[in-house]
Amino acid sequence: LMFIVIGFFFFGALVILELVCVILASIRAARGESYSYPISIPFIQ
């Protein structure tokens, strides 16, 4: 039960972080700037 409760909070935090990143990426794309998501590994450079 403890892992499930912690998982729900962690999932909620990830959803909020994803929404913030999408909004920031959309703003930068509208300006013509490039945006890389945090904590992502650039495989192709």
Protein backbone atom coordinates (compact mmCIF):
# COMPACT_ATOMS: atom_id res chain seq x y z
CA LEU A 1 0.00 0.00 0.00
CA MET A 2 2.83 2.40 0.78
CA PHE A 3 4.44 1.87 -2.62
CA ILE A 4 1.13 2.47 -4.37
CA VAL A 5 0.51 5.73 -2.49
CA ILE A 6 4.04 6.97 -3.19
CA GLY A 7 3.59 5.93 -6.81
CA PHE A 8 0.46 8.04 -7.15
CA PHE A 9 2.25 11.14 -5.86
CA PHE A 10 5.27 10.46 -8.07
CA PHE A 11 3.02 9.97 -11.10
CA GLY A 12 1.23 13.24 -10.36
CA ALA A 13 4.52 15.10 -10.11
CA LEU A 14 5.65 13.63 -13.44
CA VAL A 15 2.43 14.69 -15.13
CA ILE A 16 2.85 18.26 -13.89
CA LEU A 17 6.51 18.30 -14.97
CA GLU A 18 5.54 17.03 -18.43
CA LEU A 19 2.91 19.74 -18.83
CA VAL A 20 5.40 22.44 -17.85
CA CYS A 21 7.98 21.09 -20.30
CA VAL A 22 5.45 20.94 -23.14
CA ILE A 23 4.38 24.53 -22.49
CA LEU A 24 7.99 25.76 -22.39
CA ALA A 25 8.82 23.83 -25.58
CA SER A 26 5.77 25.29 -27.32
CA ILE A 27 6.75 28.83 -26.39
CA ARG A 28 10.31 28.35 -27.62
CA ALA A 29 9.13 26.68 -30.83
CA ALA A 30 6.83 29.64 -31.53
CA ARG A 31 9.86 31.93 -31.21
CA GLY A 32 11.86 29.73 -33.59
CA GLU A 33 14.27 28.52 -30.91
CA SER A 34 15.23 24.92 -30.30
CA TYR A 35 14.39 23.22 -27.02
CA SER A 36 15.74 20.03 -25.50
CA TYR A 37 13.77 18.31 -22.78
CA PRO A 38 15.51 18.02 -19.41
CA ILE A 39 16.83 14.60 -18.39
CA SER A 40 16.79 13.34 -21.97
CA ILE A 41 19.72 11.60 -23.61
CA PRO A 42 20.72 13.02 -27.01
CA PHE A 43 21.38 9.87 -29.05
CA ILE A 44 21.71 11.60 -32.44
CA GLN A 45 23.71 14.79 -32.66
